[in-house]
Amino acid sequence: MKFVENIQQVAELQPDYLGFIFYEKSPRNFEGIIPKLPKGIKKVGVFVNEYVEIVVSLVEEYQLEAVQLHGDESVAYIKELKQHLPKVEIIKVFGIKGAFNFELLKPYEEVVDYFLFDTKGKERGGNGITFNWQVLKDYNSTKGYFLSGGIGLEEVDELTTFFKTSASKYCYAIDVNSKFETKPGIKSVKKIEQFKAYCQKLTAKS
């Protein structure tokens, strides 16, 4: 999210999380004001290899409830971050393109709250491309994960199929972004409304 009016419009749909990107190279880089949000929506700060001190400062300034780490952050980095932000959710992102070695996640299990799997691409997210979700059948952790990477209304049939497989067992949330945009940082309220209706049906069936 980037612009006040659009933030307010999307917030009315009561998503569980709203993301704000703090990464200067991103066209969605956030530097504005976050309006008061309805209760129950968690504000997430998205960072890429940022100094711990800056992450802590921005979390405090914007009262963020979660941090999404989209870079090459180490276990030691996250431990240090948690010392400063013990009550903030930590979501560590891993890019997938083809096969993935899930053993790489083991050292992170004790320091993160969730994993997020995105499509490994040219940019640090927002590439608008899905990866083969069946790779997640080899997921060997019991920690919840966010499914991300080019998910839009066109993927609802694939999502329905995915959630019938064992690969989805620990899927905690669906992360959407670029396919719901009219331009970087501006989300289509109508499209998100349609997707939310789909998600509610999906949840009702499960």
Foldseek 3Di string as FASTA:
>chain_A
DEDAVLLALQLVLPDQEDEAECDVVDPRHHDDAHDDGDPRYFYEYEDEPDDLVVVLVVCVVRVGQEYEYLYDDDLVNLVVNCVSVVRHAYEYEDADAPADDLVVCVSVVVRHQEYEYEHDDDDSDPPLAAHPLVSLLPNDDLHAYEYEYNDFPVCLVVVLVVVVDPSCVRHDYYDDANRQAPDHNRGDSVRVSVVVVSVVVSVVVD
